[in-house]
Every structure is written in structure tokens, then in C-alpha cells.
Amino acid sequence: MQLADLASGPADVAIRHGSGRYPGLDVVSLFTPRLVVVGSPSLLVHGPLHSPADCLRYPLLQDRDRADWPIWLEANGVKPTRSAAKGPSYADDALLIQGAIAGQGLAIVRDVYAARALESGSIVLAIDAPVPTSAGYFVVVRPDRIAIPKIAAFRQWIIHEAGVS
């Protein structure tokens, strides 16, 4: 959980989550998660919703800070109401996904965390209106170490796995 010290610590490469501004390091963006709205197929038995405002007719499952629904709604042109911050809150996206699978309501989660549950069909997209998050994932290396074969190989592998061209 501690930030790897690439200047004097034992790590040669790090994956950082944040803004991408890491002075003195070679930085390659791997991906930026997107907020997506998901629910159980039984909750969305009539299919996907037609507009972002339709989400407000369902119980809304909340992240710990109760921030994701207002962010997502505003990004999709809907003024958040008080009810947008109500509903049970969960400590992380994995628990939000479990709540959605159980049919407790609609959840906003990062697409990368929901990918397996979406692929399996245990949850579905409630509406196709993703919103990019403000922080991404980056692979970082000290520029003077980038040519070391094992470091270069790992860096290239992780970039390839992330689907970066």
C-alpha cells in the first residue's frame, strides 16, 4: 500500500494510480477506468434504461464517499437530487458489484472491476453512458533504468497486456 520509491528503493518499475504527473520518471498511460452503471438482469428485466435520469427510479447503491452517483449524473446532464446520495453504501467496487448481483439496486463501478461479472452475465449495463474517472493507471520507470533488459521486457509486457499501442 506504500508508494514505491523508485529513486532509492528496491523497486525498478511501478504501476501508479493517479494523475500521471510523476516528475523525473518515464510514464506510460495504461488505461483510465470509466464509471458504468450496472444492475442485475432481474432488476433490469425490461432491458437497458433509455436516459440517465431513469436511474433515479431505482435504489442506488453508493460508494463509500457517496460521490460517484452525483459525478456520473452531472456528467450525463442530470442534476443530482438528494435521493442520488441515498441508499446503502459499500466500502469498495467488489462489494458494490455483489450488491448489484443480489438485485439490491443499481451500482456505479469502474468498468475494469465489473468486466468479469459483465462477461458472465451476473450483471448487465443499465445504460450505455460511461464516464471517465479522474485518475488512471500508469507504468513508471526511472529514465536511467529503462534500457535494462529485464526492466524493458516487463515494461513492454505490461504495456502490451493493457492494450496500449
N, C-alpha and C. Protein backbone atom coordinates (compact mmCIF):
# COMPACT_ATOMS: atom_id res chain seq x y z
N MET A 1 0.81 -1.19 0.00
CA MET A 1 0.00 0.00 0.00
C MET A 1 0.86 1.27 0.00
N GLN A 2 2.15 1.13 0.26
CA GLN A 2 3.00 2.30 0.24
C GLN A 2 3.48 2.57 -1.18
N LEU A 3 3.71 3.83 -1.48
CA LEU A 3 4.21 4.24 -2.78
C LEU A 3 5.66 3.76 -2.93
N ALA A 4 5.92 3.02 -4.00
CA ALA A 4 7.28 2.51 -4.24
C ALA A 4 8.23 3.67 -4.51
N ASP A 5 9.36 3.65 -3.83
CA ASP A 5 10.38 4.67 -4.03
C ASP A 5 11.34 4.18 -5.11
N LEU A 6 11.16 4.69 -6.31
CA LEU A 6 12.00 4.24 -7.42
C LEU A 6 13.39 4.87 -7.38
N ALA A 7 13.56 5.93 -6.64
CA ALA A 7 14.87 6.59 -6.58
C ALA A 7 15.87 5.80 -5.73
N SER A 8 15.43 5.28 -4.58
CA SER A 8 16.38 4.60 -3.71
C SER A 8 15.88 3.26 -3.17
N GLY A 9 14.66 2.90 -3.50
CA GLY A 9 14.11 1.65 -3.00
C GLY A 9 14.46 0.47 -3.89
N PRO A 10 13.98 -0.71 -3.52
CA PRO A 10 14.30 -1.93 -4.27
C PRO A 10 13.51 -2.10 -5.58
N ALA A 11 12.45 -1.32 -5.78
CA ALA A 11 11.62 -1.48 -6.98
C ALA A 11 12.25 -0.80 -8.19
N ASP A 12 12.14 -1.48 -9.33
CA ASP A 12 12.63 -0.93 -10.60
C ASP A 12 11.50 -0.33 -11.43
N VAL A 13 10.31 -0.88 -11.28
CA VAL A 13 9.14 -0.49 -12.05
C VAL A 13 7.97 -0.39 -11.09
N ALA A 14 7.07 0.55 -11.35
CA ALA A 14 5.87 0.65 -10.51
C ALA A 14 4.66 0.92 -11.39
N ILE A 15 3.52 0.50 -10.88
CA ILE A 15 2.27 0.88 -11.50
C ILE A 15 1.61 1.83 -10.53
N ARG A 16 1.33 3.02 -11.03
CA ARG A 16 0.77 4.06 -10.18
C ARG A 16 -0.64 4.40 -10.63
N HIS A 17 -1.46 4.74 -9.66
CA HIS A 17 -2.83 5.19 -9.91
C HIS A 17 -2.89 6.66 -9.52
N GLY A 18 -3.24 7.49 -10.47
CA GLY A 18 -3.30 8.91 -10.17
C GLY A 18 -3.40 9.75 -11.42
N SER A 19 -2.79 10.92 -11.36
CA SER A 19 -2.90 11.92 -12.42
C SER A 19 -1.99 11.67 -13.61
N GLY A 20 -0.93 10.90 -13.40
CA GLY A 20 0.05 10.68 -14.47
C GLY A 20 1.20 11.67 -14.43
N ARG A 21 1.18 12.58 -13.51
CA ARG A 21 2.27 13.56 -13.38
C ARG A 21 3.24 13.05 -12.30
N TYR A 22 4.33 12.46 -12.78
CA TYR A 22 5.33 11.90 -11.89
C TYR A 22 6.70 12.41 -12.34
N PRO A 23 7.09 13.58 -11.87
CA PRO A 23 8.35 14.20 -12.31
C PRO A 23 9.55 13.29 -12.12
N GLY A 24 10.42 13.29 -13.13
CA GLY A 24 11.64 12.52 -13.07
C GLY A 24 11.49 11.06 -13.47
N LEU A 25 10.28 10.64 -13.83
CA LEU A 25 10.05 9.25 -14.22
C LEU A 25 9.52 9.18 -15.65
N ASP A 26 9.84 8.09 -16.33
CA ASP A 26 9.25 7.80 -17.63
C ASP A 26 7.86 7.23 -17.34
N VAL A 27 6.82 7.83 -17.91
CA VAL A 27 5.44 7.48 -17.60
C VAL A 27 4.72 7.06 -18.86
N VAL A 28 4.05 5.90 -18.81
CA VAL A 28 3.20 5.44 -19.92
C VAL A 28 1.82 5.15 -19.34
N SER A 29 0.80 5.75 -19.93
CA SER A 29 -0.57 5.51 -19.51
C SER A 29 -0.99 4.11 -19.92
N LEU A 30 -1.53 3.35 -18.97
CA LEU A 30 -2.02 2.00 -19.26
C LEU A 30 -3.51 2.05 -19.59
N PHE A 31 -4.29 2.69 -18.75
CA PHE A 31 -5.72 2.87 -19.00
C PHE A 31 -6.32 3.80 -17.95
N THR A 32 -7.46 4.35 -18.29
CA THR A 32 -8.25 5.16 -17.37
C THR A 32 -9.60 4.48 -17.22
N PRO A 33 -9.91 4.04 -16.01
CA PRO A 33 -11.21 3.39 -15.81
C PRO A 33 -12.36 4.35 -16.12
N ARG A 34 -13.50 3.76 -16.41
CA ARG A 34 -14.72 4.53 -16.65
C ARG A 34 -15.78 4.08 -15.65
N LEU A 35 -16.58 5.03 -15.20
CA LEU A 35 -17.70 4.70 -14.33
C LEU A 35 -18.85 4.20 -15.19
N VAL A 36 -19.37 3.02 -14.85
CA VAL A 36 -20.51 2.45 -15.57
C VAL A 36 -21.60 2.09 -14.56
N VAL A 37 -22.83 2.12 -15.02
CA VAL A 37 -23.97 1.77 -14.17
C VAL A 37 -24.38 0.34 -14.49
N VAL A 38 -24.43 -0.48 -13.44
CA VAL A 38 -24.76 -1.89 -13.61
C VAL A 38 -25.89 -2.28 -12.67
N GLY A 39 -26.55 -3.37 -13.05
CA GLY A 39 -27.60 -3.94 -12.21
C GLY A 39 -27.78 -5.40 -12.57
N SER A 40 -28.57 -6.07 -11.78
CA SER A 40 -28.82 -7.49 -12.06
C SER A 40 -29.79 -7.60 -13.23
N PRO A 41 -29.69 -8.68 -14.00
CA PRO A 41 -30.65 -8.88 -15.09
C PRO A 41 -32.10 -8.92 -14.59
N SER A 42 -32.31 -9.43 -13.38
CA SER A 42 -33.68 -9.49 -12.85
C SER A 42 -34.21 -8.09 -12.50
N LEU A 43 -33.34 -7.20 -12.09
CA LEU A 43 -33.76 -5.82 -11.81
C LEU A 43 -34.05 -5.06 -13.10
N LEU A 44 -33.30 -5.38 -14.15
CA LEU A 44 -33.45 -4.69 -15.43
C LEU A 44 -34.13 -5.62 -16.44
N VAL A 45 -35.18 -6.29 -16.00
CA VAL A 45 -35.86 -7.28 -16.81
C VAL A 45 -36.41 -6.70 -18.12
N HIS A 46 -36.69 -5.41 -18.15
CA HIS A 46 -37.22 -4.77 -19.36
C HIS A 46 -36.11 -4.23 -20.26
N GLY A 47 -34.87 -4.52 -19.93
CA GLY A 47 -33.75 -4.09 -20.76
C GLY A 47 -33.10 -2.82 -20.23
N PRO A 48 -32.15 -2.31 -21.00
CA PRO A 48 -31.42 -1.13 -20.57
C PRO A 48 -32.33 0.10 -20.44
N LEU A 49 -31.89 1.02 -19.61
CA LEU A 49 -32.63 2.26 -19.42
C LEU A 49 -32.44 3.17 -20.63
N HIS A 50 -33.37 4.08 -20.83
CA HIS A 50 -33.32 4.95 -22.01
C HIS A 50 -32.59 6.27 -21.76
N SER A 51 -32.61 6.75 -20.52
CA SER A 51 -31.91 8.00 -20.23
C SER A 51 -31.27 7.92 -18.86
N PRO A 52 -30.22 8.70 -18.62
CA PRO A 52 -29.57 8.68 -17.31
C PRO A 52 -30.53 9.00 -16.16
N ALA A 53 -31.50 9.88 -16.39
CA ALA A 53 -32.45 10.24 -15.34
C ALA A 53 -33.28 9.04 -14.90
N ASP A 54 -33.44 8.04 -15.78
CA ASP A 54 -34.20 6.84 -15.41
C ASP A 54 -33.58 6.10 -14.23
N CYS A 55 -32.28 6.28 -14.01
CA CYS A 55 -31.61 5.60 -12.89
C CYS A 55 -32.23 6.01 -11.56
N LEU A 56 -32.75 7.23 -11.48
CA LEU A 56 -33.29 7.74 -10.22
C LEU A 56 -34.57 7.04 -9.79
N ARG A 57 -35.12 6.20 -10.63
CA ARG A 57 -36.32 5.43 -10.28
C ARG A 57 -35.97 4.13 -9.55
N TYR A 58 -34.70 3.83 -9.41
CA TYR A 58 -34.23 2.59 -8.80
C TYR A 58 -33.49 2.89 -7.50
N PRO A 59 -33.38 1.91 -6.62
CA PRO A 59 -32.49 2.08 -5.46
C PRO A 59 -31.05 2.26 -5.99
N LEU A 60 -30.34 3.22 -5.42
CA LEU A 60 -28.97 3.50 -5.86
C LEU A 60 -27.99 3.00 -4.80
N LEU A 61 -27.11 2.11 -5.21
CA LEU A 61 -26.07 1.61 -4.32
C LEU A 61 -24.91 2.58 -4.37
N GLN A 62 -24.39 2.93 -3.21
CA GLN A 62 -23.43 4.02 -3.11
C GLN A 62 -22.01 3.53 -2.81
N ASP A 63 -21.03 4.29 -3.32
CA ASP A 63 -19.64 4.08 -2.91
C ASP A 63 -19.48 4.67 -1.51
N ARG A 64 -18.36 4.40 -0.90
CA ARG A 64 -18.12 4.82 0.49
C ARG A 64 -18.32 6.33 0.68
N ASP A 65 -17.86 7.14 -0.28
CA ASP A 65 -17.94 8.60 -0.16
C ASP A 65 -19.25 9.18 -0.69
N ARG A 66 -20.08 8.34 -1.27
CA ARG A 66 -21.33 8.77 -1.89
C ARG A 66 -21.10 9.84 -2.96
N ALA A 67 -19.98 9.72 -3.66
CA ALA A 67 -19.61 10.72 -4.66
C ALA A 67 -19.88 10.29 -6.09
N ASP A 68 -19.89 8.99 -6.37
CA ASP A 68 -19.94 8.53 -7.77
C ASP A 68 -21.26 8.84 -8.46
N TRP A 69 -22.40 8.68 -7.78
CA TRP A 69 -23.66 8.98 -8.44
C TRP A 69 -23.76 10.45 -8.85
N PRO A 70 -23.49 11.40 -7.95
CA PRO A 70 -23.55 12.81 -8.39
C PRO A 70 -22.59 13.12 -9.54
N ILE A 71 -21.38 12.55 -9.50
CA ILE A 71 -20.42 12.77 -10.60
C ILE A 71 -20.97 12.23 -11.90
N TRP A 72 -21.46 10.99 -11.88
CA TRP A 72 -21.97 10.35 -13.09
C TRP A 72 -23.20 11.08 -13.62
N LEU A 73 -24.14 11.42 -12.73
CA LEU A 73 -25.35 12.11 -13.16
C LEU A 73 -25.02 13.45 -13.80
N GLU A 74 -24.19 14.26 -13.15
CA GLU A 74 -23.82 15.56 -13.71
C GLU A 74 -23.13 15.41 -15.05
N ALA A 75 -22.25 14.44 -15.17
CA ALA A 75 -21.54 14.22 -16.44
C ALA A 75 -22.51 13.83 -17.55
N ASN A 76 -23.65 13.28 -17.17
CA ASN A 76 -24.66 12.88 -18.16
C ASN A 76 -25.83 13.86 -18.22
N GLY A 77 -25.62 15.08 -17.73
CA GLY A 77 -26.60 16.14 -17.88
C GLY A 77 -27.81 16.07 -16.97
N VAL A 78 -27.69 15.34 -15.85
CA VAL A 78 -28.80 15.23 -14.91
C VAL A 78 -28.40 15.90 -13.61
N LYS A 79 -29.23 16.83 -13.14
CA LYS A 79 -28.95 17.47 -11.86
C LYS A 79 -29.22 16.46 -10.74
N PRO A 80 -28.19 16.17 -9.92
CA PRO A 80 -28.39 15.20 -8.84
C PRO A 80 -29.39 15.72 -7.81
N THR A 81 -30.29 14.87 -7.39
CA THR A 81 -31.23 15.21 -6.33
C THR A 81 -30.69 14.65 -5.02
N ARG A 82 -31.36 14.97 -3.93
CA ARG A 82 -30.95 14.41 -2.63
C ARG A 82 -30.97 12.89 -2.65
N SER A 83 -31.93 12.32 -3.38
CA SER A 83 -32.04 10.86 -3.41
C SER A 83 -30.85 10.21 -4.11
N ALA A 84 -30.11 10.99 -4.91
CA ALA A 84 -28.93 10.44 -5.60
C ALA A 84 -27.83 10.07 -4.63
N ALA A 85 -27.86 10.61 -3.42
CA ALA A 85 -26.84 10.28 -2.42
C ALA A 85 -27.37 9.35 -1.34
N LYS A 86 -28.61 8.88 -1.50
CA LYS A 86 -29.19 7.96 -0.52
C LYS A 86 -29.02 6.52 -1.00
N GLY A 87 -29.16 5.63 -0.06
CA GLY A 87 -29.04 4.21 -0.37
C GLY A 87 -27.87 3.62 0.39
N PRO A 88 -27.81 2.30 0.43
CA PRO A 88 -26.72 1.65 1.17
C PRO A 88 -25.37 1.94 0.52
N SER A 89 -24.35 2.11 1.35
CA SER A 89 -23.01 2.37 0.82
C SER A 89 -22.11 1.17 1.09
N TYR A 90 -21.14 1.02 0.20
CA TYR A 90 -20.23 -0.12 0.25
C TYR A 90 -18.80 0.38 0.23
N ALA A 91 -17.91 -0.38 0.85
CA ALA A 91 -16.52 0.04 1.01
C ALA A 91 -15.73 0.03 -0.29
N ASP A 92 -16.10 -0.83 -1.25
CA ASP A 92 -15.33 -0.90 -2.49
C ASP A 92 -16.19 -1.42 -3.63
N ASP A 93 -15.64 -1.38 -4.84
CA ASP A 93 -16.38 -1.78 -6.02
C ASP A 93 -16.77 -3.26 -6.00
N ALA A 94 -15.95 -4.11 -5.41
CA ALA A 94 -16.28 -5.53 -5.36
C ALA A 94 -17.57 -5.75 -4.58
N LEU A 95 -17.74 -5.03 -3.48
CA LEU A 95 -18.97 -5.16 -2.69
C LEU A 95 -20.15 -4.52 -3.42
N LEU A 96 -19.91 -3.41 -4.11
CA LEU A 96 -20.98 -2.80 -4.91
C LEU A 96 -21.47 -3.77 -5.98
N ILE A 97 -20.55 -4.45 -6.62
CA ILE A 97 -20.92 -5.42 -7.64
C ILE A 97 -21.74 -6.56 -7.02
N GLN A 98 -21.34 -7.03 -5.85
CA GLN A 98 -22.11 -8.09 -5.18
C GLN A 98 -23.52 -7.61 -4.83
N GLY A 99 -23.64 -6.36 -4.40
CA GLY A 99 -24.96 -5.80 -4.13
C GLY A 99 -25.81 -5.74 -5.38
N ALA A 100 -25.19 -5.35 -6.49
CA ALA A 100 -25.92 -5.29 -7.76
C ALA A 100 -26.32 -6.70 -8.21
N ILE A 101 -25.43 -7.66 -8.08
CA ILE A 101 -25.74 -9.05 -8.45
C ILE A 101 -26.94 -9.54 -7.64
N ALA A 102 -26.99 -9.16 -6.36
CA ALA A 102 -28.07 -9.60 -5.48
C ALA A 102 -29.40 -8.87 -5.77
N GLY A 103 -29.37 -7.91 -6.70
CA GLY A 103 -30.60 -7.21 -7.06
C GLY A 103 -30.99 -6.10 -6.11
N GLN A 104 -30.03 -5.61 -5.30
CA GLN A 104 -30.33 -4.58 -4.32
C GLN A 104 -30.53 -3.19 -4.94
N GLY A 105 -30.08 -3.01 -6.16
CA GLY A 105 -30.23 -1.71 -6.82
C GLY A 105 -29.20 -1.55 -7.92
N LEU A 106 -29.10 -0.33 -8.43
CA LEU A 106 -28.11 -0.01 -9.46
C LEU A 106 -26.83 0.45 -8.78
N ALA A 107 -25.71 0.08 -9.34
CA ALA A 107 -24.41 0.46 -8.79
C ALA A 107 -23.57 1.12 -9.86
N ILE A 108 -22.78 2.09 -9.44
CA ILE A 108 -21.78 2.68 -10.32
C ILE A 108 -20.44 2.11 -9.89
N VAL A 109 -19.76 1.50 -10.87
CA VAL A 109 -18.46 0.88 -10.59
C VAL A 109 -17.50 1.18 -11.73
N ARG A 110 -16.23 0.97 -11.49
CA ARG A 110 -15.24 1.11 -12.56
C ARG A 110 -15.36 -0.08 -13.50
N ASP A 111 -15.34 0.21 -14.78
CA ASP A 111 -15.55 -0.84 -15.79
C ASP A 111 -14.57 -1.99 -15.65
N VAL A 112 -13.32 -1.70 -15.30
CA VAL A 112 -12.33 -2.76 -15.19
C VAL A 112 -12.66 -3.73 -14.06
N TYR A 113 -13.29 -3.24 -13.00
CA TYR A 113 -13.65 -4.11 -11.88
C TYR A 113 -14.90 -4.93 -12.19
N ALA A 114 -15.75 -4.43 -13.08
CA ALA A 114 -17.00 -5.10 -13.40
C ALA A 114 -16.88 -6.05 -14.59
N ALA A 115 -15.75 -6.06 -15.26
CA ALA A 115 -15.61 -6.80 -16.53
C ALA A 115 -16.01 -8.27 -16.41
N ARG A 116 -15.52 -8.97 -15.40
CA ARG A 116 -15.82 -10.40 -15.27
C ARG A 116 -17.31 -10.65 -15.02
N ALA A 117 -17.90 -9.86 -14.14
CA ALA A 117 -19.32 -10.03 -13.84
C ALA A 117 -20.18 -9.70 -15.05
N LEU A 118 -19.76 -8.70 -15.83
CA LEU A 118 -20.48 -8.37 -17.06
C LEU A 118 -20.35 -9.51 -18.08
N GLU A 119 -19.13 -10.05 -18.22
CA GLU A 119 -18.91 -11.16 -19.16
C GLU A 119 -19.72 -12.39 -18.79
N SER A 120 -19.84 -12.65 -17.49
CA SER A 120 -20.58 -13.84 -17.05
C SER A 120 -22.08 -13.65 -17.12
N GLY A 121 -22.52 -12.39 -17.21
CA GLY A 121 -23.95 -12.11 -17.27
C GLY A 121 -24.60 -11.97 -15.90
N SER A 122 -23.81 -12.02 -14.82
CA SER A 122 -24.40 -11.86 -13.49
C SER A 122 -24.85 -10.43 -13.24
N ILE A 123 -24.28 -9.48 -13.98
CA ILE A 123 -24.77 -8.11 -14.03
C ILE A 123 -24.78 -7.67 -15.49
N VAL A 124 -25.54 -6.61 -15.74
CA VAL A 124 -25.62 -6.04 -17.09
C VAL A 124 -25.48 -4.53 -16.98
N LEU A 125 -25.10 -3.91 -18.09
CA LEU A 125 -25.09 -2.45 -18.12
C LEU A 125 -26.53 -1.96 -18.05
N ALA A 126 -26.80 -1.05 -17.13
CA ALA A 126 -28.13 -0.48 -17.01
C ALA A 126 -28.37 0.53 -18.12
N ILE A 127 -27.31 1.21 -18.52
CA ILE A 127 -27.37 2.22 -19.57
C ILE A 127 -25.96 2.39 -20.13
N ASP A 128 -25.87 2.62 -21.41
CA ASP A 128 -24.56 2.80 -22.04
C ASP A 128 -24.19 4.28 -22.01
N ALA A 129 -23.66 4.72 -20.86
CA ALA A 129 -23.28 6.12 -20.68
C ALA A 129 -22.07 6.20 -19.74
N PRO A 130 -20.93 5.62 -20.16
CA PRO A 130 -19.76 5.61 -19.28
C PRO A 130 -19.18 7.01 -19.08
N VAL A 131 -18.56 7.21 -17.94
CA VAL A 131 -17.92 8.48 -17.62
C VAL A 131 -16.48 8.18 -17.18
N PRO A 132 -15.49 8.77 -17.85
CA PRO A 132 -14.09 8.54 -17.44
C PRO A 132 -13.84 9.02 -16.01
N THR A 133 -13.04 8.28 -15.28
CA THR A 133 -12.65 8.71 -13.93
C THR A 133 -11.54 9.75 -14.05
N SER A 134 -11.25 10.41 -12.95
CA SER A 134 -10.23 11.46 -12.97
C SER A 134 -8.82 10.91 -12.81
N ALA A 135 -8.68 9.64 -12.47
CA ALA A 135 -7.36 9.05 -12.26
C ALA A 135 -7.21 7.81 -13.13
N GLY A 136 -5.99 7.62 -13.62
CA GLY A 136 -5.70 6.46 -14.45
C GLY A 136 -4.61 5.61 -13.84
N TYR A 137 -4.23 4.58 -14.58
CA TYR A 137 -3.15 3.69 -14.17
C TYR A 137 -1.98 3.88 -15.12
N PHE A 138 -0.77 3.95 -14.56
CA PHE A 138 0.43 4.27 -15.31
C PHE A 138 1.56 3.34 -14.90
N VAL A 139 2.39 2.96 -15.88
CA VAL A 139 3.62 2.25 -15.55
C VAL A 139 4.72 3.31 -15.54
N VAL A 140 5.52 3.30 -14.47
CA VAL A 140 6.57 4.31 -14.31
C VAL A 140 7.92 3.63 -14.07
N VAL A 141 8.95 4.24 -14.66
CA VAL A 141 10.32 3.74 -14.56
C VAL A 141 11.25 4.95 -14.53
N ARG A 142 12.34 4.83 -13.79
CA ARG A 142 13.37 5.88 -13.87
C ARG A 142 13.98 5.84 -15.26
N PRO A 143 14.15 6.99 -15.92
CA PRO A 143 14.69 7.00 -17.29
C PRO A 143 16.06 6.33 -17.43
N ASP A 144 16.89 6.39 -16.41
CA ASP A 144 18.22 5.80 -16.49
C ASP A 144 18.20 4.27 -16.35
N ARG A 145 17.03 3.69 -16.07
CA ARG A 145 16.94 2.24 -15.89
C ARG A 145 16.08 1.57 -16.98
N ILE A 146 15.51 2.38 -17.85
CA ILE A 146 14.56 1.87 -18.84
C ILE A 146 15.19 0.91 -19.85
N ALA A 147 16.48 1.04 -20.10
CA ALA A 147 17.15 0.19 -21.10
C ALA A 147 17.65 -1.14 -20.53
N ILE A 148 17.56 -1.33 -19.23
CA ILE A 148 17.98 -2.60 -18.63
C ILE A 148 17.03 -3.68 -19.16
N PRO A 149 17.56 -4.74 -19.74
CA PRO A 149 16.71 -5.73 -20.43
C PRO A 149 15.51 -6.24 -19.63
N LYS A 150 15.71 -6.63 -18.38
CA LYS A 150 14.57 -7.18 -17.62
C LYS A 150 13.52 -6.10 -17.35
N ILE A 151 13.95 -4.87 -17.16
CA ILE A 151 13.02 -3.78 -16.92
C ILE A 151 12.29 -3.44 -18.22
N ALA A 152 13.02 -3.36 -19.30
CA ALA A 152 12.41 -3.08 -20.61
C ALA A 152 11.41 -4.17 -20.98
N ALA A 153 11.76 -5.43 -20.72
CA ALA A 153 10.88 -6.55 -21.06
C ALA A 153 9.58 -6.49 -20.25
N PHE A 154 9.70 -6.23 -18.95
CA PHE A 154 8.50 -6.15 -18.13
C PHE A 154 7.63 -4.98 -18.55
N ARG A 155 8.27 -3.84 -18.77
CA ARG A 155 7.54 -2.64 -19.17
C ARG A 155 6.78 -2.89 -20.47
N GLN A 156 7.44 -3.49 -21.45
CA GLN A 156 6.78 -3.78 -22.73
C GLN A 156 5.64 -4.79 -22.55
N TRP A 157 5.85 -5.79 -21.68
CA TRP A 157 4.82 -6.78 -21.44
C TRP A 157 3.57 -6.14 -20.82
N ILE A 158 3.75 -5.31 -19.79
CA ILE A 158 2.59 -4.71 -19.13
C ILE A 158 1.87 -3.73 -20.06
N ILE A 159 2.62 -3.02 -20.90
CA ILE A 159 2.01 -2.12 -21.87
C ILE A 159 1.19 -2.93 -22.88
N HIS A 160 1.74 -4.04 -23.33
CA HIS A 160 1.02 -4.92 -24.26
C HIS A 160 -0.25 -5.48 -23.62
N GLU A 161 -0.13 -5.96 -22.38
CA GLU A 161 -1.28 -6.54 -21.67
C GLU A 161 -2.39 -5.51 -21.46
N ALA A 162 -2.02 -4.25 -21.28
CA ALA A 162 -3.02 -3.19 -21.09
C ALA A 162 -3.65 -2.78 -22.41
N GLY A 163 -3.10 -3.27 -23.52
CA GLY A 163 -3.68 -2.94 -24.83
C GLY A 163 -3.28 -1.58 -25.36
N VAL A 164 -2.16 -1.06 -24.84
CA VAL A 164 -1.67 0.22 -25.31
C VAL A 164 -0.87 0.01 -26.61
N SER A 165 -1.12 0.82 -27.59
CA SER A 165 -0.42 0.66 -28.87
C SER A 165 1.01 1.13 -28.78
